[in-house]
Every structure is written in C-alpha cells, then in structure tokens.
C-alpha cells in the first residue's frame, strides 16, 4: 500500500470522549474492527501524495488564518456497504467552506467530500451485530471541529496539527 497524506478536521476533546463511548461498545462485544485506531475522530478533507507535504503544511497555516471552530451535529449512523459504520454529520455551510478551501488550495484535485466519522470497519455480520447496540445508545451528538491535522499513513504519523480559534 502506497503511503499517502491526509488532511483531517478533528473534533474537540469533549466530542472525542462521547464518540469513544461507542468504541467501548465495540470492544465490550468482542470486536476490534479494521478501522484505524489511535487517531482522533475526524472528517477527512483530502488525500494526497507525499511529494506535496510542504505545500499542505502551508495550507494548514492558511486555514488557521481563515477559519474558526466549526460547530457540527451528527444526525445518526450510516453505512458504506455493510463493512463500514459511521457517524453522519449534518452538513453546514462552514464544513462546506472548509472543504472547498482545502480543495481550492491543493495542488491537485482529490475525491469529493463524503463527510463522515468512521466508527467501525469489519465483516458485514459484525457490523449488523453491533449496529443495534449503537442505535440503543445513540443520542444527538453536538461537537466542534477544533483542529486541522496533516497525517501520513501507513504507518500513521502526525506531521502537523493546528488549532482553530474560537
């Protein structure tokens, strides 16, 4: 697998804790999943080749000057096929503006925004077993996009992280 760079919109610490409670449900039911572990919950804004790292660091600096924290609400769960379970954020103009800023300031185009926060990746039968348990515990999640980070995968390595102003 080729290494790639990712710009990610990370959630604030309080929202991280709320979502971690869903992670506990996964482990309490004997699953681990295939999702990337030990990174903050986030919305991916773009994927890039390694040769544009310095440019992307500059993009993060420009984001810090142009954006403040973004309030978001998660409306519930969604599925990509039957092997990815995610939280579905309600789209708002600030998320769209942030995504468009990243896209317009990138060296080359990337996939369109499919905003989500991955909770669990696994075999379909495991997803179908855990989904009702998540649904039982679910209540609306209000959070804040507080950080923008640049990661390299795989293995994962944090390259740069900026905090958005209030």
N, C-alpha and C. Protein backbone atom coordinates (compact mmCIF):
# COMPACT_ATOMS: atom_id res chain seq x y z
N UNK A 1 0.83 -1.18 0.00
CA UNK A 1 0.00 0.00 0.00
C UNK A 1 0.88 1.25 0.00
N UNK A 2 0.64 2.15 -0.93
CA UNK A 2 1.42 3.38 -1.00
C UNK A 2 1.08 4.29 0.17
N UNK A 3 2.12 4.97 0.65
CA UNK A 3 1.89 5.96 1.69
C UNK A 3 1.17 7.16 1.09
N UNK A 4 0.31 7.77 1.88
CA UNK A 4 -0.45 8.95 1.46
C UNK A 4 -0.51 9.94 2.61
N UNK A 5 -0.79 11.20 2.25
CA UNK A 5 -1.03 12.26 3.23
C UNK A 5 -2.52 12.55 3.27
N UNK A 6 -3.01 12.88 4.45
CA UNK A 6 -4.43 13.19 4.64
C UNK A 6 -4.58 14.45 5.47
N UNK A 7 -5.44 15.35 5.01
CA UNK A 7 -5.85 16.50 5.82
C UNK A 7 -7.16 16.11 6.49
N UNK A 8 -7.18 16.27 7.84
CA UNK A 8 -8.34 15.84 8.61
C UNK A 8 -8.83 16.95 9.52
N UNK A 9 -10.15 17.08 9.61
CA UNK A 9 -10.80 18.01 10.54
C UNK A 9 -11.12 17.21 11.80
N UNK A 10 -10.39 17.50 12.88
CA UNK A 10 -10.52 16.74 14.13
C UNK A 10 -11.51 17.40 15.07
N UNK A 11 -12.19 16.56 15.82
CA UNK A 11 -13.19 17.02 16.78
C UNK A 11 -12.54 17.39 18.11
N UNK A 12 -13.22 18.25 18.85
CA UNK A 12 -12.74 18.70 20.15
C UNK A 12 -12.68 17.55 21.16
N UNK A 13 -12.02 17.77 22.27
CA UNK A 13 -11.79 16.72 23.26
C UNK A 13 -13.08 16.17 23.84
N UNK A 14 -14.06 17.03 24.14
CA UNK A 14 -15.33 16.55 24.71
C UNK A 14 -16.06 15.62 23.74
N UNK A 15 -16.06 15.96 22.47
CA UNK A 15 -16.72 15.12 21.47
C UNK A 15 -15.95 13.82 21.28
N UNK A 16 -14.62 13.88 21.37
CA UNK A 16 -13.82 12.65 21.30
C UNK A 16 -14.27 11.66 22.38
N UNK A 17 -14.50 12.16 23.58
CA UNK A 17 -14.91 11.31 24.70
C UNK A 17 -16.28 10.69 24.43
N UNK A 18 -17.20 11.48 23.93
CA UNK A 18 -18.55 10.97 23.62
C UNK A 18 -18.46 9.84 22.59
N UNK A 19 -17.70 10.05 21.54
CA UNK A 19 -17.60 9.03 20.49
C UNK A 19 -16.82 7.81 20.99
N UNK A 20 -15.87 8.01 21.87
CA UNK A 20 -15.12 6.87 22.44
C UNK A 20 -16.06 5.91 23.15
N UNK A 21 -17.20 6.40 23.66
CA UNK A 21 -18.17 5.51 24.30
C UNK A 21 -18.73 4.49 23.31
N UNK A 22 -18.82 4.85 22.03
CA UNK A 22 -19.23 3.88 21.01
C UNK A 22 -18.12 2.87 20.77
N UNK A 23 -16.90 3.34 20.84
CA UNK A 23 -15.75 2.44 20.69
C UNK A 23 -15.77 1.38 21.79
N UNK A 24 -16.15 1.78 23.00
CA UNK A 24 -16.24 0.83 24.11
C UNK A 24 -17.26 -0.27 23.81
N UNK A 25 -18.36 0.09 23.16
CA UNK A 25 -19.39 -0.90 22.81
C UNK A 25 -18.79 -1.95 21.88
N UNK A 26 -17.96 -1.52 20.96
CA UNK A 26 -17.30 -2.46 20.03
C UNK A 26 -16.50 -3.49 20.83
N UNK A 27 -15.65 -3.00 21.73
CA UNK A 27 -14.77 -3.90 22.48
C UNK A 27 -15.55 -4.77 23.47
N UNK A 28 -16.57 -4.18 24.11
CA UNK A 28 -17.39 -4.94 25.07
C UNK A 28 -18.11 -6.11 24.39
N UNK A 29 -18.31 -6.02 23.10
CA UNK A 29 -18.99 -7.08 22.36
C UNK A 29 -18.02 -8.01 21.64
N UNK A 30 -16.75 -7.90 21.98
CA UNK A 30 -15.75 -8.84 21.49
C UNK A 30 -15.18 -8.55 20.11
N UNK A 31 -15.42 -7.34 19.61
CA UNK A 31 -14.90 -6.96 18.29
C UNK A 31 -13.76 -5.97 18.43
N UNK A 32 -12.91 -5.90 17.41
CA UNK A 32 -11.87 -4.88 17.37
C UNK A 32 -12.00 -4.04 16.10
N UNK A 33 -12.37 -4.66 15.01
CA UNK A 33 -12.55 -3.94 13.76
C UNK A 33 -11.26 -3.70 13.02
N UNK A 34 -11.40 -3.19 11.80
CA UNK A 34 -10.28 -2.91 10.92
C UNK A 34 -10.01 -1.41 10.78
N UNK A 35 -10.82 -0.59 11.47
CA UNK A 35 -10.65 0.86 11.38
C UNK A 35 -9.30 1.26 11.98
N UNK A 36 -8.77 2.38 11.51
CA UNK A 36 -7.50 2.88 12.05
C UNK A 36 -7.72 3.28 13.49
N UNK A 37 -6.87 2.76 14.35
CA UNK A 37 -7.01 3.03 15.78
C UNK A 37 -5.96 4.05 16.21
N UNK A 38 -6.17 4.60 17.36
CA UNK A 38 -5.22 5.52 17.98
C UNK A 38 -5.01 6.81 17.19
N UNK A 39 -6.04 7.25 16.48
CA UNK A 39 -6.05 8.59 15.91
C UNK A 39 -7.35 9.25 16.35
N UNK A 40 -7.37 10.56 16.43
CA UNK A 40 -8.60 11.24 16.85
C UNK A 40 -9.73 11.04 15.85
N UNK A 41 -10.96 11.08 16.35
CA UNK A 41 -12.12 11.04 15.46
C UNK A 41 -12.12 12.33 14.64
N UNK A 42 -12.49 12.16 13.36
CA UNK A 42 -12.29 13.27 12.41
C UNK A 42 -13.19 13.11 11.19
N UNK A 43 -13.14 14.12 10.34
CA UNK A 43 -13.70 14.08 8.99
C UNK A 43 -12.53 14.31 8.04
N UNK A 44 -12.31 13.39 7.12
CA UNK A 44 -11.20 13.53 6.16
C UNK A 44 -11.57 14.56 5.10
N UNK A 45 -10.66 15.50 4.86
CA UNK A 45 -10.90 16.56 3.88
C UNK A 45 -10.17 16.33 2.57
N UNK A 46 -9.14 15.49 2.56
CA UNK A 46 -8.41 15.25 1.32
C UNK A 46 -7.28 14.25 1.50
N UNK A 47 -6.91 13.62 0.40
CA UNK A 47 -5.85 12.61 0.35
C UNK A 47 -4.86 13.03 -0.74
N UNK A 48 -3.55 12.92 -0.45
CA UNK A 48 -2.53 13.45 -1.35
C UNK A 48 -1.31 12.55 -1.38
N UNK A 49 -0.47 12.75 -2.39
CA UNK A 49 0.81 12.04 -2.46
C UNK A 49 1.81 12.74 -1.52
N UNK A 50 2.86 12.01 -1.18
CA UNK A 50 3.86 12.51 -0.23
C UNK A 50 4.63 13.73 -0.74
N UNK A 51 4.71 13.91 -2.04
CA UNK A 51 5.54 14.97 -2.59
C UNK A 51 4.98 16.38 -2.37
N UNK A 52 3.78 16.50 -1.82
CA UNK A 52 3.20 17.83 -1.60
C UNK A 52 3.12 18.19 -0.11
N UNK A 53 3.90 17.50 0.71
CA UNK A 53 3.85 17.72 2.16
C UNK A 53 4.07 19.18 2.54
N UNK A 54 5.11 19.81 2.03
CA UNK A 54 5.40 21.20 2.41
C UNK A 54 4.27 22.14 2.00
N UNK A 55 3.72 21.91 0.84
CA UNK A 55 2.59 22.73 0.40
C UNK A 55 1.40 22.55 1.35
N UNK A 56 1.13 21.33 1.76
CA UNK A 56 -0.01 21.07 2.64
C UNK A 56 0.20 21.68 4.03
N UNK A 57 1.43 21.74 4.49
CA UNK A 57 1.72 22.43 5.76
C UNK A 57 1.33 23.90 5.64
N UNK A 58 1.62 24.51 4.49
CA UNK A 58 1.23 25.90 4.24
C UNK A 58 -0.29 26.04 4.19
N UNK A 59 -0.97 25.06 3.60
CA UNK A 59 -2.44 25.09 3.55
C UNK A 59 -3.00 25.11 4.97
N UNK A 60 -2.42 24.31 5.87
CA UNK A 60 -2.88 24.31 7.26
C UNK A 60 -2.68 25.68 7.90
N UNK A 61 -1.56 26.31 7.64
CA UNK A 61 -1.33 27.67 8.17
C UNK A 61 -2.39 28.64 7.65
N UNK A 62 -2.73 28.52 6.37
CA UNK A 62 -3.75 29.40 5.79
C UNK A 62 -5.14 29.12 6.38
N UNK A 63 -5.42 27.85 6.68
CA UNK A 63 -6.69 27.52 7.32
C UNK A 63 -6.77 28.20 8.68
N UNK A 64 -5.68 28.17 9.43
CA UNK A 64 -5.67 28.78 10.77
C UNK A 64 -5.99 30.27 10.69
N UNK A 65 -5.52 30.93 9.65
CA UNK A 65 -5.78 32.36 9.48
C UNK A 65 -7.18 32.64 8.96
N UNK A 66 -7.82 31.66 8.32
CA UNK A 66 -9.09 31.90 7.62
C UNK A 66 -10.32 31.32 8.30
N UNK A 67 -10.15 30.40 9.26
CA UNK A 67 -11.29 29.70 9.84
C UNK A 67 -11.25 29.72 11.36
N UNK A 68 -12.43 29.65 11.94
CA UNK A 68 -12.59 29.46 13.39
C UNK A 68 -13.22 28.09 13.61
N UNK A 69 -13.37 27.73 14.87
CA UNK A 69 -14.00 26.46 15.21
C UNK A 69 -15.34 26.32 14.47
N UNK A 70 -15.67 25.09 14.12
CA UNK A 70 -16.91 24.82 13.38
C UNK A 70 -17.78 23.89 14.22
N UNK A 71 -18.97 24.36 14.55
CA UNK A 71 -19.92 23.54 15.31
C UNK A 71 -20.61 22.57 14.36
N UNK A 72 -20.69 21.30 14.80
CA UNK A 72 -21.35 20.29 13.97
C UNK A 72 -22.30 19.46 14.84
N UNK A 73 -23.26 18.87 14.17
CA UNK A 73 -24.20 17.95 14.80
C UNK A 73 -24.21 16.67 13.98
N UNK A 74 -24.16 15.54 14.67
CA UNK A 74 -24.28 14.26 13.99
C UNK A 74 -25.74 13.82 14.05
N UNK A 75 -26.27 13.47 12.87
CA UNK A 75 -27.69 13.14 12.76
C UNK A 75 -27.99 11.66 12.98
N UNK A 76 -26.98 10.83 13.01
CA UNK A 76 -27.19 9.40 13.19
C UNK A 76 -26.08 8.62 12.54
N UNK A 77 -26.39 7.38 12.21
CA UNK A 77 -25.40 6.47 11.64
C UNK A 77 -25.62 6.29 10.15
N UNK A 78 -24.58 5.86 9.47
CA UNK A 78 -24.67 5.50 8.06
C UNK A 78 -23.78 4.30 7.80
N UNK A 79 -23.96 3.72 6.64
CA UNK A 79 -23.17 2.56 6.23
C UNK A 79 -22.60 2.79 4.85
N UNK A 80 -21.36 2.37 4.65
CA UNK A 80 -20.79 2.22 3.32
C UNK A 80 -20.79 0.72 3.07
N UNK A 81 -21.67 0.28 2.20
CA UNK A 81 -21.86 -1.15 2.04
C UNK A 81 -22.31 -1.71 3.38
N UNK A 82 -21.81 -2.85 3.73
CA UNK A 82 -22.07 -3.40 5.06
C UNK A 82 -20.77 -3.62 5.83
N UNK A 83 -19.70 -2.93 5.39
CA UNK A 83 -18.44 -3.14 6.09
C UNK A 83 -17.88 -1.89 6.77
N UNK A 84 -18.58 -0.75 6.66
CA UNK A 84 -18.16 0.47 7.34
C UNK A 84 -19.38 1.12 7.98
N UNK A 85 -19.29 1.32 9.29
CA UNK A 85 -20.33 2.01 10.05
C UNK A 85 -19.77 3.36 10.48
N UNK A 86 -20.52 4.43 10.21
CA UNK A 86 -20.00 5.76 10.50
C UNK A 86 -21.07 6.65 11.11
N UNK A 87 -20.61 7.73 11.74
CA UNK A 87 -21.49 8.80 12.20
C UNK A 87 -21.67 9.77 11.05
N UNK A 88 -22.89 10.22 10.87
CA UNK A 88 -23.24 11.08 9.74
C UNK A 88 -23.44 12.52 10.23
N UNK A 89 -22.51 13.43 9.89
CA UNK A 89 -22.69 14.82 10.32
C UNK A 89 -23.72 15.55 9.45
N UNK A 90 -24.48 16.41 10.08
CA UNK A 90 -25.37 17.29 9.31
C UNK A 90 -24.45 18.29 8.60
N UNK A 91 -24.59 18.38 7.31
CA UNK A 91 -23.74 19.32 6.57
C UNK A 91 -24.17 20.75 6.89
N UNK A 92 -23.19 21.60 7.02
CA UNK A 92 -23.48 23.02 7.20
C UNK A 92 -22.51 23.82 6.34
N UNK A 93 -22.80 25.09 6.18
CA UNK A 93 -22.03 25.92 5.26
C UNK A 93 -20.55 26.01 5.68
N UNK A 94 -20.27 25.99 6.97
CA UNK A 94 -18.88 26.11 7.43
C UNK A 94 -18.05 24.89 7.04
N UNK A 95 -18.63 23.69 7.15
CA UNK A 95 -17.91 22.48 6.73
C UNK A 95 -17.65 22.53 5.22
N UNK A 96 -18.66 22.94 4.48
CA UNK A 96 -18.50 23.03 3.02
C UNK A 96 -17.45 24.07 2.65
N UNK A 97 -17.46 25.22 3.33
CA UNK A 97 -16.45 26.26 3.06
C UNK A 97 -15.04 25.75 3.37
N UNK A 98 -14.89 25.02 4.48
CA UNK A 98 -13.58 24.47 4.84
C UNK A 98 -13.12 23.47 3.78
N UNK A 99 -14.00 22.57 3.39
CA UNK A 99 -13.65 21.59 2.36
C UNK A 99 -13.26 22.29 1.05
N UNK A 100 -14.07 23.27 0.63
CA UNK A 100 -13.77 23.98 -0.61
C UNK A 100 -12.44 24.72 -0.52
N UNK A 101 -12.13 25.29 0.63
CA UNK A 101 -10.86 25.98 0.83
C UNK A 101 -9.70 25.00 0.65
N UNK A 102 -9.82 23.83 1.28
CA UNK A 102 -8.76 22.82 1.15
C UNK A 102 -8.62 22.40 -0.31
N UNK A 103 -9.74 22.14 -0.95
CA UNK A 103 -9.71 21.68 -2.34
C UNK A 103 -9.12 22.75 -3.27
N UNK A 104 -9.53 24.00 -3.10
CA UNK A 104 -9.06 25.08 -3.97
C UNK A 104 -7.59 25.41 -3.75
N UNK A 105 -7.07 25.12 -2.56
CA UNK A 105 -5.68 25.43 -2.25
C UNK A 105 -4.75 24.22 -2.36
N UNK A 106 -5.26 23.15 -2.88
CA UNK A 106 -4.46 21.96 -3.06
C UNK A 106 -3.82 21.98 -4.45
N UNK A 107 -2.74 21.28 -4.57
CA UNK A 107 -2.00 21.26 -5.83
C UNK A 107 -2.76 20.50 -6.90
N UNK A 108 -3.50 19.48 -6.50
CA UNK A 108 -4.29 18.73 -7.47
C UNK A 108 -5.60 18.30 -6.83
N UNK A 109 -6.56 18.04 -7.65
CA UNK A 109 -7.89 17.68 -7.17
C UNK A 109 -7.87 16.30 -6.51
N UNK A 110 -8.80 16.10 -5.64
CA UNK A 110 -8.95 14.81 -4.97
C UNK A 110 -10.43 14.48 -4.93
N UNK A 111 -10.76 13.40 -4.25
CA UNK A 111 -12.15 12.97 -4.20
C UNK A 111 -13.04 14.05 -3.61
N UNK A 112 -14.30 14.02 -4.00
CA UNK A 112 -15.27 14.95 -3.43
C UNK A 112 -15.54 14.59 -1.98
N UNK A 113 -16.07 15.54 -1.25
CA UNK A 113 -16.35 15.37 0.17
C UNK A 113 -17.48 14.38 0.37
N UNK A 114 -17.23 13.41 1.19
CA UNK A 114 -18.25 12.48 1.66
C UNK A 114 -18.10 12.47 3.18
N UNK A 115 -18.54 13.54 3.80
CA UNK A 115 -18.28 13.78 5.21
C UNK A 115 -18.86 12.66 6.08
N UNK A 116 -18.00 12.09 6.91
CA UNK A 116 -18.40 11.05 7.85
C UNK A 116 -17.29 10.89 8.88
N UNK A 117 -17.65 10.27 10.00
CA UNK A 117 -16.67 9.92 11.01
C UNK A 117 -16.78 8.41 11.23
N UNK A 118 -15.77 7.69 10.80
CA UNK A 118 -15.80 6.23 10.87
C UNK A 118 -15.78 5.76 12.33
N UNK A 119 -16.69 4.83 12.62
CA UNK A 119 -16.74 4.20 13.94
C UNK A 119 -16.19 2.78 13.93
N UNK A 120 -16.58 2.02 12.89
CA UNK A 120 -16.30 0.59 12.91
C UNK A 120 -16.21 0.06 11.49
N UNK A 121 -15.12 -0.63 11.19
CA UNK A 121 -14.95 -1.31 9.90
C UNK A 121 -14.70 -2.78 10.20
N UNK A 122 -15.52 -3.65 9.58
CA UNK A 122 -15.36 -5.07 9.86
C UNK A 122 -16.18 -5.87 8.85
N UNK A 123 -16.29 -7.14 9.11
CA UNK A 123 -17.10 -8.01 8.27
C UNK A 123 -18.57 -7.63 8.40
N UNK A 124 -19.35 -7.78 7.34
CA UNK A 124 -20.77 -7.39 7.39
C UNK A 124 -21.54 -7.99 8.57
N UNK A 125 -21.30 -9.26 8.90
CA UNK A 125 -22.05 -9.86 10.01
C UNK A 125 -21.73 -9.17 11.34
N UNK A 126 -20.51 -8.68 11.51
CA UNK A 126 -20.15 -7.97 12.73
C UNK A 126 -20.79 -6.59 12.76
N UNK A 127 -20.81 -5.92 11.62
CA UNK A 127 -21.47 -4.61 11.53
C UNK A 127 -22.95 -4.76 11.90
N UNK A 128 -23.60 -5.77 11.35
CA UNK A 128 -25.03 -5.97 11.62
C UNK A 128 -25.29 -6.35 13.07
N UNK A 129 -24.32 -6.98 13.74
CA UNK A 129 -24.48 -7.31 15.16
C UNK A 129 -24.32 -6.08 16.04
N UNK A 130 -23.41 -5.19 15.68
CA UNK A 130 -23.11 -4.05 16.54
C UNK A 130 -24.05 -2.86 16.30
N UNK A 131 -24.58 -2.74 15.11
CA UNK A 131 -25.43 -1.59 14.77
C UNK A 131 -26.61 -1.41 15.74
N UNK A 132 -27.36 -2.46 16.08
CA UNK A 132 -28.47 -2.24 17.03
C UNK A 132 -28.00 -1.78 18.41
N UNK A 133 -26.82 -2.23 18.82
CA UNK A 133 -26.28 -1.81 20.12
C UNK A 133 -25.93 -0.33 20.10
N UNK A 134 -25.40 0.15 18.97
CA UNK A 134 -25.12 1.58 18.82
C UNK A 134 -26.43 2.37 18.83
N UNK A 135 -27.40 1.86 18.09
CA UNK A 135 -28.68 2.56 17.97
C UNK A 135 -29.37 2.69 19.32
N UNK A 136 -29.25 1.68 20.18
CA UNK A 136 -29.84 1.75 21.53
C UNK A 136 -29.24 2.89 22.35
N UNK A 137 -27.97 3.13 22.18
CA UNK A 137 -27.25 4.12 22.99
C UNK A 137 -27.22 5.51 22.36
N UNK A 138 -27.65 5.62 21.10
CA UNK A 138 -27.45 6.87 20.37
C UNK A 138 -28.33 8.00 20.88
N UNK A 139 -27.72 9.16 21.00
CA UNK A 139 -28.43 10.42 21.14
C UNK A 139 -27.65 11.44 20.32
N UNK A 140 -28.30 12.50 19.94
CA UNK A 140 -27.66 13.51 19.09
C UNK A 140 -26.31 13.92 19.68
N UNK A 141 -25.34 14.00 18.82
CA UNK A 141 -24.00 14.44 19.24
C UNK A 141 -23.75 15.81 18.64
N UNK A 142 -23.51 16.77 19.50
CA UNK A 142 -23.11 18.11 19.08
C UNK A 142 -21.64 18.25 19.40
N UNK A 143 -20.87 18.65 18.42
CA UNK A 143 -19.43 18.75 18.61
C UNK A 143 -18.85 19.97 17.93
N UNK A 144 -17.54 20.04 18.00
CA UNK A 144 -16.81 21.17 17.42
C UNK A 144 -15.61 20.63 16.65
N UNK A 145 -15.45 21.09 15.42
CA UNK A 145 -14.20 20.83 14.71
C UNK A 145 -13.22 21.87 15.24
N UNK A 146 -12.25 21.40 16.00
CA UNK A 146 -11.33 22.29 16.71
C UNK A 146 -9.92 22.28 16.14
N UNK A 147 -9.56 21.20 15.46
CA UNK A 147 -8.20 21.06 14.95
C UNK A 147 -8.24 20.63 13.48
N UNK A 148 -7.20 21.02 12.76
CA UNK A 148 -6.97 20.52 11.41
C UNK A 148 -5.58 19.89 11.44
N UNK A 149 -5.50 18.66 10.97
CA UNK A 149 -4.22 17.95 11.05
C UNK A 149 -3.82 17.38 9.70
N UNK A 150 -2.54 17.15 9.59
CA UNK A 150 -1.95 16.52 8.42
C UNK A 150 -1.28 15.24 8.91
N UNK A 151 -1.75 14.10 8.41
CA UNK A 151 -1.22 12.80 8.78
C UNK A 151 -0.64 12.10 7.56
N UNK A 152 0.33 11.24 7.84
CA UNK A 152 0.83 10.30 6.84
C UNK A 152 0.38 8.91 7.28
N UNK A 153 -0.07 8.11 6.33
CA UNK A 153 -0.46 6.72 6.59
C UNK A 153 0.20 5.83 5.57
N UNK A 154 0.51 4.74 5.85
CA UNK A 154 0.74 3.82 6.89
C UNK A 154 2.20 3.53 6.96
N UNK A 155 2.83 3.42 8.11
CA UNK A 155 2.19 3.59 9.40
C UNK A 155 1.80 5.05 9.63
N UNK A 156 0.93 5.26 10.59
CA UNK A 156 0.42 6.60 10.83
C UNK A 156 1.47 7.48 11.50
N UNK A 157 1.51 8.72 11.06
CA UNK A 157 2.45 9.69 11.63
C UNK A 157 1.80 11.06 11.53
N UNK A 158 1.67 11.73 12.67
CA UNK A 158 1.17 13.10 12.67
C UNK A 158 2.28 14.01 12.19
N UNK A 159 2.01 14.79 11.16
CA UNK A 159 3.00 15.70 10.61
C UNK A 159 2.81 17.11 11.15
N UNK A 160 1.56 17.56 11.17
CA UNK A 160 1.27 18.92 11.65
C UNK A 160 -0.16 19.00 12.11
N UNK A 161 -0.40 19.79 13.16
CA UNK A 161 -1.74 19.98 13.69
C UNK A 161 -1.90 21.43 14.11
N UNK A 162 -2.99 22.04 13.67
CA UNK A 162 -3.26 23.43 14.06
C UNK A 162 -4.58 23.47 14.83
N UNK A 163 -4.68 24.41 15.73
CA UNK A 163 -5.92 24.61 16.49
C UNK A 163 -6.67 25.82 15.92
N UNK A 164 -7.95 25.62 15.65
CA UNK A 164 -8.76 26.73 15.16
C UNK A 164 -9.16 27.63 16.32
N UNK A 165 -9.21 28.92 16.07
CA UNK A 165 -9.61 29.88 17.10
C UNK A 165 -11.11 29.79 17.34
N UNK A 166 -11.51 30.21 18.54
CA UNK A 166 -12.96 30.23 18.86
C UNK A 166 -13.66 31.32 18.10
